[in-house]
Amino acid sequence: MGGPNGHHLEYSVTNEGEDVRQTEGGRRLRRIAAGVILVVIVVTAFAWLATPDVSDAQARVEALAAKHHVPVLSPEEVPTQLALAVVATEDERFYSHHGIDLPGIVRASINDIRMSCLCEGASTITEQLIKAIYLNGSNEGLNKLVDVTLAFKVESVLDKPQILADWLTLAPTGPTRYGVGPTACAYFGKPLANLDLAQYALLAGLPQSPVAYDPLTHPEAALRRRGQVLEAMLGHRYITASEADAARAETLLPALRGGCQ
């Protein structure tokens, strides 16, 4: 076995062993993913019967908006560039999924298994809206399963433009501030409809971490976040490279702000 043929045979056996291990590892991951999806489907079917009706979803949005003292946006009041900025940043498959993002659920579920918890948060815009209006701001533990079920239900009573408008109405944009409309006035001194691309990108980036990205207290972080949103929009071809460059070069906030007149 010490000759050239022996070495070749040993090398072939080693490679075959590695191929077998890689194949088994891939099969194991696929079985785990399939098992996770099956469990989600079964639990969701059961939860469908156990969770409440969502015919009051819009009424809940309006009640929470009143609590936060913010106006409720209609779909027609959502600027196209803002909608694209939010979708590119928060939920890239928003217009194609039905409330939940299956790839995201599989990824989050595998992480939960590894961490031995139900600790991954909501991912889609619909789930985030449900978290606000039905789950008192928390979708951890069993609330996560409820969140998934209600996402399906809400998308059967509200269309995508309405869901996005409601999300923008209630989105946290500062330590004690909600809604992109009032925030546009506070930061730029202009109504939401009159902003430009750079300003919409800033607004779209705030909800992920409203305190950390507050442009008044953390301008450098806010500038980086705005750049990330513009990059996401460029990656999805929602804007051109020249539009992104012009927006990046824009001042973060105007020198004078006094709210909307």
C-alpha atoms as a PDB file:
ATOM      1  CA  MET A   1       0.000   0.000   0.000  1.00  0.00           C
ATOM      2  CA  GLY A   2       3.084   2.283   0.147  1.00  0.00           C
ATOM      3  CA  GLY A   3       3.334   2.627  -3.647  1.00  0.00           C
ATOM      4  CA  PRO A   4       1.673   5.237  -5.842  1.00  0.00           C
ATOM      5  CA  ASN A   5      -1.481   3.157  -6.204  1.00  0.00           C
ATOM      6  CA  GLY A   6      -1.747   2.773  -2.434  1.00  0.00           C
ATOM      7  CA  HIS A   7      -1.522   6.521  -1.908  1.00  0.00           C
ATOM      8  CA  HIS A   8      -4.128   7.109  -4.608  1.00  0.00           C
ATOM      9  CA  LEU A   9      -6.483   4.618  -2.954  1.00  0.00           C
ATOM     10  CA  GLU A  10      -5.994   6.209   0.473  1.00  0.00           C
ATOM     11  CA  TYR A  11      -6.673   9.670  -0.992  1.00  0.00           C
ATOM     12  CA  SER A  12      -9.820   8.416  -2.740  1.00  0.00           C
ATOM     13  CA  VAL A  13     -11.139   6.805   0.439  1.00  0.00           C
ATOM     14  CA  THR A  14     -10.487  10.014   2.411  1.00  0.00           C
ATOM     15  CA  ASN A  15     -12.283  12.137  -0.173  1.00  0.00           C
ATOM     16  CA  GLU A  16     -15.209   9.740  -0.278  1.00  0.00           C
ATOM     17  CA  GLY A  17     -15.451   9.910   3.515  1.00  0.00           C
ATOM     18  CA  GLU A  18     -15.536  13.708   3.440  1.00  0.00           C
ATOM     19  CA  ASP A  19     -18.171  13.663   0.691  1.00  0.00           C
ATOM     20  CA  VAL A  20     -20.325  11.288   2.739  1.00  0.00           C
ATOM     21  CA  ARG A  21     -20.060  13.515   5.827  1.00  0.00           C
ATOM     22  CA  GLN A  22     -20.923  16.629   3.829  1.00  0.00           C
ATOM     23  CA  THR A  23     -23.878  14.878   2.213  1.00  0.00           C
ATOM     24  CA  GLU A  24     -25.126  13.617   5.576  1.00  0.00           C
ATOM     25  CA  GLY A  25     -24.718  17.102   7.046  1.00  0.00           C
ATOM     26  CA  GLY A  26     -26.714  18.624   4.208  1.00  0.00           C
ATOM     27  CA  ARG A  27     -29.456  16.018   4.584  1.00  0.00           C
ATOM     28  CA  ARG A  28     -29.577  16.648   8.334  1.00  0.00           C
ATOM     29  CA  LEU A  29     -30.043  20.391   7.815  1.00  0.00           C
ATOM     30  CA  ARG A  30     -32.744  19.774   5.219  1.00  0.00           C
ATOM     31  CA  ARG A  31     -34.548  17.408   7.610  1.00  0.00           C
ATOM     32  CA  ILE A  32     -34.369  20.016  10.371  1.00  0.00           C
ATOM     33  CA  ALA A  33     -35.692  22.717   8.040  1.00  0.00           C
ATOM     34  CA  ALA A  34     -38.510  20.452   6.818  1.00  0.00           C
ATOM     35  CA  GLY A  35     -39.347  19.523  10.398  1.00  0.00           C
ATOM     36  CA  VAL A  36     -39.466  23.167  11.431  1.00  0.00           C
ATOM     37  CA  ILE A  37     -41.800  24.028   8.561  1.00  0.00           C
ATOM     38  CA  LEU A  38     -44.066  21.068   9.400  1.00  0.00           C
ATOM     39  CA  VAL A  39     -44.242  22.062  13.062  1.00  0.00           C
ATOM     40  CA  VAL A  40     -45.024  25.668  12.114  1.00  0.00           C
ATOM     41  CA  ILE A  41     -47.826  24.525   9.791  1.00  0.00           C
ATOM     42  CA  VAL A  42     -49.381  22.211  12.387  1.00  0.00           C
ATOM     43  CA  VAL A  43     -49.120  24.716  15.221  1.00  0.00           C
ATOM     44  CA  THR A  44     -50.416  27.520  13.002  1.00  0.00           C
ATOM     45  CA  ALA A  45     -53.450  25.419  12.015  1.00  0.00           C
ATOM     46  CA  PHE A  46     -54.222  24.846  15.689  1.00  0.00           C
ATOM     47  CA  ALA A  47     -53.543  28.485  16.564  1.00  0.00           C
ATOM     48  CA  TRP A  48     -55.894  29.595  13.787  1.00  0.00           C
ATOM     49  CA  LEU A  49     -58.772  28.186  15.803  1.00  0.00           C
ATOM     50  CA  ALA A  50     -57.478  29.506  19.112  1.00  0.00           C
ATOM     51  CA  THR A  51     -56.616  33.086  18.102  1.00  0.00           C
ATOM     52  CA  PRO A  52     -59.132  35.935  17.871  1.00  0.00           C
ATOM     53  CA  ASP A  53     -60.884  37.265  14.836  1.00  0.00           C
ATOM     54  CA  VAL A  54     -59.051  40.240  13.274  1.00  0.00           C
ATOM     55  CA  SER A  55     -61.944  42.190  11.858  1.00  0.00           C
ATOM     56  CA  ASP A  56     -61.062  44.896  14.397  1.00  0.00           C
ATOM     57  CA  ALA A  57     -57.487  45.289  13.128  1.00  0.00           C
ATOM     58  CA  GLN A  58     -58.002  48.730  11.602  1.00  0.00           C
ATOM     59  CA  ALA A  59     -59.921  49.910  14.656  1.00  0.00           C
ATOM     60  CA  ARG A  60     -56.997  48.820  16.824  1.00  0.00           C
ATOM     61  CA  VAL A  61     -54.599  50.806  14.636  1.00  0.00           C
ATOM     62  CA  GLU A  62     -56.768  53.894  15.012  1.00  0.00           C
ATOM     63  CA  ALA A  63     -57.035  53.438  18.781  1.00  0.00           C
ATOM     64  CA  LEU A  64     -53.277  53.081  19.202  1.00  0.00           C
ATOM     65  CA  ALA A  65     -52.668  56.076  16.933  1.00  0.00           C
ATOM     66  CA  ALA A  66     -55.003  58.131  19.125  1.00  0.00           C
ATOM     67  CA  LYS A  67     -53.097  56.976  22.211  1.00  0.00           C
ATOM     68  CA  HIS A  68     -49.830  58.165  20.619  1.00  0.00           C
ATOM     69  CA  HIS A  69     -51.523  61.371  19.370  1.00  0.00           C
ATOM     70  CA  VAL A  70     -50.576  60.729  15.738  1.00  0.00           C
ATOM     71  CA  PRO A  71     -52.755  60.938  12.608  1.00  0.00           C
ATOM     72  CA  VAL A  72     -53.607  57.734  10.776  1.00  0.00           C
ATOM     73  CA  LEU A  73     -52.054  57.645   7.319  1.00  0.00           C
ATOM     74  CA  SER A  74     -54.129  56.490   4.384  1.00  0.00           C
ATOM     75  CA  PRO A  75     -52.436  54.424   1.669  1.00  0.00           C
ATOM     76  CA  GLU A  76     -52.707  57.406  -0.665  1.00  0.00           C
ATOM     77  CA  GLU A  77     -50.669  59.513   1.754  1.00  0.00           C
ATOM     78  CA  VAL A  78     -47.662  57.170   1.673  1.00  0.00           C
ATOM     79  CA  PRO A  79     -45.048  58.532  -0.762  1.00  0.00           C
ATOM     80  CA  THR A  80     -43.756  55.937  -3.207  1.00  0.00           C
ATOM     81  CA  GLN A  81     -40.097  56.526  -2.357  1.00  0.00           C
ATOM     82  CA  LEU A  82     -40.806  56.085   1.345  1.00  0.00           C
ATOM     83  CA  ALA A  83     -42.688  52.846   0.692  1.00  0.00           C
ATOM     84  CA  LEU A  84     -39.800  51.494  -1.379  1.00  0.00           C
ATOM     85  CA  ALA A  85     -37.260  52.543   1.251  1.00  0.00           C
ATOM     86  CA  VAL A  86     -39.170  50.727   3.990  1.00  0.00           C
ATOM     87  CA  VAL A  87     -39.716  47.561   1.959  1.00  0.00           C
ATOM     88  CA  ALA A  88     -36.067  47.424   0.869  1.00  0.00           C
ATOM     89  CA  THR A  89     -34.938  47.812   4.482  1.00  0.00           C
ATOM     90  CA  GLU A  90     -37.536  46.062   6.611  1.00  0.00           C
ATOM     91  CA  ASP A  91     -39.172  43.374   4.485  1.00  0.00           C
ATOM     92  CA  GLU A  92     -37.871  42.816   0.967  1.00  0.00           C
ATOM     93  CA  ARG A  93     -40.513  40.188   0.159  1.00  0.00           C
ATOM     94  CA  PHE A  94     -43.405  42.243   1.572  1.00  0.00           C
ATOM     95  CA  TYR A  95     -45.355  42.367  -1.679  1.00  0.00           C
ATOM     96  CA  SER A  96     -44.988  38.654  -2.404  1.00  0.00           C
ATOM     97  CA  HIS A  97     -45.509  36.900   0.942  1.00  0.00           C
ATOM     98  CA  HIS A  98     -48.805  36.418   2.779  1.00  0.00           C
ATOM     99  CA  GLY A  99     -47.870  37.869   6.140  1.00  0.00           C
ATOM    100  CA  ILE A 100     -44.950  35.656   7.035  1.00  0.00           C
ATOM    101  CA  ASP A 101     -41.601  35.100   5.374  1.00  0.00           C
ATOM    102  CA  LEU A 102     -40.946  31.334   5.322  1.00  0.00           C
ATOM    103  CA  PRO A 103     -37.176  31.615   4.762  1.00  0.00           C
ATOM    104  CA  GLY A 104     -37.043  34.017   7.677  1.00  0.00           C
ATOM    105  CA  ILE A 105     -39.093  31.684   9.876  1.00  0.00           C
ATOM    106  CA  VAL A 106     -36.813  28.741   9.125  1.00  0.00           C
ATOM    107  CA  ARG A 107     -33.736  30.830   9.892  1.00  0.00           C
ATOM    108  CA  ALA A 108     -35.233  32.166  13.125  1.00  0.00           C
ATOM    109  CA  SER A 109     -36.481  28.726  14.190  1.00  0.00           C
ATOM    110  CA  ILE A 110     -33.087  27.125  13.699  1.00  0.00           C
ATOM    111  CA  ASN A 111     -31.556  29.903  15.797  1.00  0.00           C
ATOM    112  CA  ASP A 112     -34.210  29.297  18.464  1.00  0.00           C
ATOM    113  CA  ILE A 113     -33.337  25.589  18.519  1.00  0.00           C
ATOM    114  CA  ARG A 114     -29.670  26.412  18.922  1.00  0.00           C
ATOM    115  CA  MET A 115     -30.420  28.918  21.716  1.00  0.00           C
ATOM    116  CA  SER A 116     -33.130  26.713  23.313  1.00  0.00           C
ATOM    117  CA  CYS A 117     -35.626  29.560  23.338  1.00  0.00           C
ATOM    118  CA  LEU A 118     -38.366  31.270  21.370  1.00  0.00           C
ATOM    119  CA  CYS A 119     -36.448  34.526  21.187  1.00  0.00           C
ATOM    120  CA  GLU A 120     -36.239  35.561  17.539  1.00  0.00           C
ATOM    121  CA  GLY A 121     -38.384  38.604  16.843  1.00  0.00           C
ATOM    122  CA  ALA A 122     -40.887  39.457  14.144  1.00  0.00           C
ATOM    123  CA  SER A 123     -39.498  39.922  10.670  1.00  0.00           C
ATOM    124  CA  THR A 124     -42.233  41.036   8.280  1.00  0.00           C
ATOM    125  CA  ILE A 125     -43.975  44.384   8.302  1.00  0.00           C
ATOM    126  CA  THR A 126     -47.277  42.587   8.915  1.00  0.00           C
ATOM    127  CA  GLU A 127     -45.893  40.756  11.942  1.00  0.00           C
ATOM    128  CA  GLN A 128     -44.480  43.985  13.351  1.00  0.00           C
ATOM    129  CA  LEU A 129     -47.878  45.635  12.997  1.00  0.00           C
ATOM    130  CA  ILE A 130     -49.541  42.725  14.797  1.00  0.00           C
ATOM    131  CA  LYS A 131     -46.940  42.913  17.547  1.00  0.00           C
ATOM    132  CA  ALA A 132     -48.019  46.519  18.140  1.00  0.00           C
ATOM    133  CA  ILE A 133     -51.797  46.191  17.949  1.00  0.00           C
ATOM    134  CA  TYR A 134     -52.442  42.695  19.354  1.00  0.00           C
ATOM    135  CA  LEU A 135     -49.445  41.613  21.426  1.00  0.00           C
ATOM    136  CA  ASN A 136     -48.650  44.688  23.512  1.00  0.00           C
ATOM    137  CA  GLY A 137     -45.306  45.119  21.792  1.00  0.00           C
ATOM    138  CA  SER A 138     -43.960  41.636  22.505  1.00  0.00           C
ATOM    139  CA  ASN A 139     -43.774  38.630  20.203  1.00  0.00           C
ATOM    140  CA  GLU A 140     -41.498  36.449  22.306  1.00  0.00           C
ATOM    141  CA  GLY A 141     -42.332  32.975  23.572  1.00  0.00           C
ATOM    142  CA  LEU A 142     -45.815  31.744  22.663  1.00  0.00           C
ATOM    143  CA  ASN A 143     -46.682  35.189  21.347  1.00  0.00           C
ATOM    144  CA  LYS A 144     -44.478  34.392  18.381  1.00  0.00           C
ATOM    145  CA  LEU A 145     -46.810  31.561  17.343  1.00  0.00           C
ATOM    146  CA  VAL A 146     -49.818  33.824  17.763  1.00  0.00           C
ATOM    147  CA  ASP A 147     -48.017  36.471  15.711  1.00  0.00           C
ATOM    148  CA  VAL A 148     -47.531  34.079  12.788  1.00  0.00           C
ATOM    149  CA  THR A 149     -51.186  33.047  12.822  1.00  0.00           C
ATOM    150  CA  LEU A 150     -52.531  36.580  13.078  1.00  0.00           C
ATOM    151  CA  ALA A 151     -50.279  37.626  10.197  1.00  0.00           C
ATOM    152  CA  PHE A 152     -52.189  35.280   7.893  1.00  0.00           C
ATOM    153  CA  LYS A 153     -55.506  36.541   9.231  1.00  0.00           C
ATOM    154  CA  VAL A 154     -54.685  40.236   8.974  1.00  0.00           C
ATOM    155  CA  GLU A 155     -53.560  39.871   5.360  1.00  0.00           C
ATOM    156  CA  SER A 156     -56.987  38.452   4.576  1.00  0.00           C
ATOM    157  CA  VAL A 157     -58.749  41.613   5.796  1.00  0.00           C
ATOM    158  CA  LEU A 158     -56.232  44.379   5.030  1.00  0.00           C
ATOM    159  CA  ASP A 159     -54.411  44.824   1.722  1.00  0.00           C
ATOM    160  CA  LYS A 160     -50.695  45.544   1.409  1.00  0.00           C
ATOM    161  CA  PRO A 161     -50.970  49.343   0.971  1.00  0.00           C
ATOM    162  CA  GLN A 162     -53.157  49.586   4.082  1.00  0.00           C
ATOM    163  CA  ILE A 163     -50.812  47.421   6.154  1.00  0.00           C
ATOM    164  CA  LEU A 164     -47.839  49.536   5.127  1.00  0.00           C
ATOM    165  CA  ALA A 165     -49.706  52.776   5.860  1.00  0.00           C
ATOM    166  CA  ASP A 166     -50.710  51.453   9.296  1.00  0.00           C
ATOM    167  CA  TRP A 167     -47.137  50.367  10.029  1.00  0.00           C
ATOM    168  CA  LEU A 168     -45.850  53.828   9.102  1.00  0.00           C
ATOM    169  CA  THR A 169     -48.542  55.426  11.259  1.00  0.00           C
ATOM    170  CA  LEU A 170     -47.397  53.538  14.375  1.00  0.00           C
ATOM    171  CA  ALA A 171     -43.679  53.112  13.646  1.00  0.00           C
ATOM    172  CA  PRO A 172     -41.470  54.243  16.541  1.00  0.00           C
ATOM    173  CA  THR A 173     -39.178  57.026  15.333  1.00  0.00           C
ATOM    174  CA  GLY A 174     -37.695  58.325  18.570  1.00  0.00           C
ATOM    175  CA  PRO A 175     -37.619  57.780  22.350  1.00  0.00           C
ATOM    176  CA  THR A 176     -41.204  59.053  22.699  1.00  0.00           C
ATOM    177  CA  ARG A 177     -42.157  59.702  19.075  1.00  0.00           C
ATOM    178  CA  TYR A 178     -44.300  57.636  16.731  1.00  0.00           C
ATOM    179  CA  GLY A 179     -45.392  57.942  13.129  1.00  0.00           C
ATOM    180  CA  VAL A 180     -43.510  59.173  10.092  1.00  0.00           C
ATOM    181  CA  GLY A 181     -45.881  62.112   9.551  1.00  0.00           C
ATOM    182  CA  PRO A 182     -45.152  63.938  12.821  1.00  0.00           C
ATOM    183  CA  THR A 183     -41.481  62.963  12.537  1.00  0.00           C
ATOM    184  CA  ALA A 184     -41.200  64.560   9.089  1.00  0.00           C
ATOM    185  CA  CYS A 185     -42.478  67.804  10.565  1.00  0.00           C
ATOM    186  CA  ALA A 186     -40.205  67.574  13.621  1.00  0.00           C
ATOM    187  CA  TYR A 187     -36.991  66.776  11.738  1.00  0.00           C
ATOM    188  CA  PHE A 188     -37.464  68.538   8.411  1.00  0.00           C
ATOM    189  CA  GLY A 189     -40.137  71.156   9.036  1.00  0.00           C
ATOM    190  CA  LYS A 190     -42.138  69.868   6.067  1.00  0.00           C
ATOM    191  CA  PRO A 191     -45.143  67.600   5.494  1.00  0.00           C
ATOM    192  CA  LEU A 192     -44.397  63.989   4.611  1.00  0.00           C
ATOM    193  CA  ALA A 193     -45.424  64.486   0.977  1.00  0.00           C
ATOM    194  CA  ASN A 194     -42.816  67.215   0.449  1.00  0.00           C
ATOM    195  CA  LEU A 195     -39.657  65.347   1.471  1.00  0.00           C
ATOM    196  CA  ASP A 196     -36.889  64.117  -0.808  1.00  0.00           C
ATOM    197  CA  LEU A 197     -35.158  60.754  -1.201  1.00  0.00           C
ATOM    198  CA  ALA A 198     -32.509  61.347   1.481  1.00  0.00           C
ATOM    199  CA  GLN A 199     -35.163  62.357   3.989  1.00  0.00           C
ATOM    200  CA  TYR A 200     -37.357  59.357   3.225  1.00  0.00           C
ATOM    201  CA  ALA A 201     -34.317  57.106   3.652  1.00  0.00           C
ATOM    202  CA  LEU A 202     -33.647  58.606   7.065  1.00  0.00           C
ATOM    203  CA  LEU A 203     -37.252  58.030   8.148  1.00  0.00           C
ATOM    204  CA  ALA A 204     -37.229  54.447   6.847  1.00  0.00           C
ATOM    205  CA  GLY A 205     -34.126  53.630   8.864  1.00  0.00           C
ATOM    206  CA  LEU A 206     -35.394  54.898  12.224  1.00  0.00           C
ATOM    207  CA  PRO A 207     -37.819  52.131  13.352  1.00  0.00           C
ATOM    208  CA  GLN A 208     -35.113  49.472  13.627  1.00  0.00           C
ATOM    209  CA  SER A 209     -33.554  51.390  16.527  1.00  0.00           C
ATOM    210  CA  PRO A 210     -35.237  54.756  17.117  1.00  0.00           C
ATOM    211  CA  VAL A 211     -32.962  55.851  19.955  1.00  0.00           C
ATOM    212  CA  ALA A 212     -29.662  54.721  18.434  1.00  0.00           C
ATOM    213  CA  TYR A 213     -30.456  56.338  15.075  1.00  0.00           C
ATOM    214  CA  ASP A 214     -31.955  59.573  16.405  1.00  0.00           C
ATOM    215  CA  PRO A 215     -30.370  62.232  14.152  1.00  0.00           C
ATOM    216  CA  LEU A 216     -30.540  64.858  16.891  1.00  0.00           C
ATOM    217  CA  THR A 217     -28.544  62.885  19.467  1.00  0.00           C
ATOM    218  CA  HIS A 218     -26.631  60.400  17.277  1.00  0.00           C
ATOM    219  CA  PRO A 219     -26.080  62.112  13.909  1.00  0.00           C
ATOM    220  CA  GLU A 220     -23.177  59.895  12.823  1.00  0.00           C
ATOM    221  CA  ALA A 221     -25.168  56.703  13.455  1.00  0.00           C
ATOM    222  CA  ALA A 222     -28.181  58.227  11.710  1.00  0.00           C
ATOM    223  CA  LEU A 223     -26.010  59.119   8.717  1.00  0.00           C
ATOM    224  CA  ARG A 224     -24.694  55.540   8.489  1.00  0.00           C
ATOM    225  CA  ARG A 225     -28.191  54.147   8.782  1.00  0.00           C
ATOM    226  CA  ARG A 226     -29.456  56.451   6.039  1.00  0.00           C
ATOM    227  CA  GLY A 227     -26.628  55.166   3.853  1.00  0.00           C
ATOM    228  CA  GLN A 228     -27.636  51.569   4.546  1.00  0.00           C
ATOM    229  CA  VAL A 229     -31.200  52.288   3.451  1.00  0.00           C
ATOM    230  CA  LEU A 230     -30.006  53.967   0.251  1.00  0.00           C
ATOM    231  CA  GLU A 231     -27.721  51.013  -0.438  1.00  0.00           C
ATOM    232  CA  ALA A 232     -30.635  48.600   0.029  1.00  0.00           C
ATOM    233  CA  MET A 233     -32.784  50.623  -2.354  1.00  0.00           C
ATOM    234  CA  LEU A 234     -29.973  50.677  -4.901  1.00  0.00           C
ATOM    235  CA  GLY A 235     -29.501  46.922  -4.522  1.00  0.00           C
ATOM    236  CA  HIS A 236     -33.162  46.361  -5.355  1.00  0.00           C
ATOM    237  CA  ARG A 237     -32.934  48.823  -8.268  1.00  0.00           C
ATOM    238  CA  TYR A 238     -35.496  51.139  -6.732  1.00  0.00           C
ATOM    239  CA  ILE A 239     -33.119  54.067  -7.321  1.00  0.00           C
ATOM    240  CA  THR A 240     -30.173  54.741  -9.603  1.00  0.00           C
ATOM    241  CA  ALA A 241     -26.560  55.123  -8.548  1.00  0.00           C
ATOM    242  CA  SER A 242     -26.658  58.851  -9.293  1.00  0.00           C
ATOM    243  CA  GLU A 243     -29.781  59.268  -7.146  1.00  0.00           C
ATOM    244  CA  ALA A 244     -28.118  57.379  -4.300  1.00  0.00           C
ATOM    245  CA  ASP A 245     -24.964  59.498  -4.558  1.00  0.00           C
ATOM    246  CA  ALA A 246     -26.952  62.735  -4.522  1.00  0.00           C
ATOM    247  CA  ALA A 247     -28.921  61.597  -1.464  1.00  0.00           C
ATOM    248  CA  ARG A 248     -25.761  60.554   0.395  1.00  0.00           C
ATOM    249  CA  ALA A 249     -24.283  63.997  -0.180  1.00  0.00           C
ATOM    250  CA  GLU A 250     -27.280  65.769   1.318  1.00  0.00           C
ATOM    251  CA  THR A 251     -27.134  67.324   4.776  1.00  0.00           C
ATOM    252  CA  LEU A 252     -28.710  65.074   7.408  1.00  0.00           C
ATOM    253  CA  LEU A 253     -31.082  67.720   8.834  1.00  0.00           C
ATOM    254  CA  PRO A 254     -31.913  71.281   7.787  1.00  0.00           C
ATOM    255  CA  ALA A 255     -30.371  74.071   9.823  1.00  0.00           C
ATOM    256  CA  LEU A 256     -33.764  75.507  10.717  1.00  0.00           C
ATOM    257  CA  ARG A 257     -36.678  73.372  11.884  1.00  0.00           C
ATOM    258  CA  GLY A 258     -39.923  74.544  13.346  1.00  0.00           C
ATOM    259  CA  GLY A 259     -42.474  71.887  12.576  1.00  0.00           C
ATOM    260  CA  CYS A 260     -45.032  72.028   9.793  1.00  0.00           C
ATOM    261  CA  GLN A 261     -46.823  75.327   9.360  1.00  0.00           C
END
